[in-house]
Amino acid sequence: MAARPNTPLRPIIVKKVVEAGHAAHHGGAWKVAYADFVTAMMAFFLLMWLLGATTEKQRKALADYFAPTIVQAKQDTAGSNGLFGGESLVSVDKYPHEAGQTGTKAMTIPRDAAGGPREATAGARASARAQFQQVAQSLMRAIEEKAELRRLARNIRFTETREGLRIDIVDDADFSMFVLGTSQLTPEASRILGELAKVVAGLPNELMIRGHTDAAPWSAKTGMNNWRLSVERAEVSRQYLVFRGIASDRFARIEGVADREPYVPSNRLDPRNRRISVTLGWGAGPGN
């Protein structure tokens, strides 16, 4: 019988089935993850056992083994009105800063075999803190008792650092420690440094002075720059303190950091970035 001419031919479809290998399913990647999980669980249960089987003193010893000396360093607190702005000398501040002065830090300071003056005992540190409180209170009392200086009490800030008690004398829109662009002390700044000298003259602690400037640019024709100006201002402050009775051998160092450690990082031209920092060290100076 003849084929029907109008009947279409069906296409032939070949279906090829390829069975995938089982290497991915039966590989070793899951074993690594499982081993990490078991290790973490073992460490967790070991920690739980240590917390339950040791005394508080033993736990402290274990913590000290991994972190020998923890020092909280406060750098450049924002400060506020009054002596400590309603807080204690060693309370945690939250003022942001750059270049080594970034708010409150937790630093691990390893001890070497010889130790050093900064590794004071807890009793010595407590005694020094009490002395720092007395210095701060005495200085603020002396400033507030004088009518011509009372308004400048807010320009004096106290901060405990790794090196000791730092006393910052901060410029603002209404007060400047130095004649603008020079290292010449203003009369008000001289009086403040004079009161500071009276308070610390009888103490054996070493002193360190650091000068800060704002970021205002200098003309190349002047021969001056912020680095040089900050150092000169620190040196003039040291000379004035010596003139007012501080023994010269009590000064451990003076330095200038220009505008690299601004008090107000958001505005490097802010007058508060100009300041003198006098640090009263934890221990006695070399001549004591």
Foldseek 3Di string as FASTA:
>chain_A
DDDDPPDDDDDDDDDDDDDDDCCVVPDCPVVVVVVVVVVVVVVVVVVVCCVVVDDPVVVVVVVCVVQVDKDKFAAQAPADPDLGNPDAQADFGQQQWDDPHGGIDIDRDDADPVGDDLPDDPVLQVVQSVLVVVLSVQLLVVQCVDPVRNVQSRQWHWHQGSFAIKIKRFDAPVDDQADPPALHGDPNNLVSLLSSLVSCLPPQFAKEKEWEFFQDADDVVVVDGQQVRRQSNRVVSLVSSVVSRHDNQSYPYYGYDYQRIASDVVHSNGRRRGIMMMGGGSDGGPVD
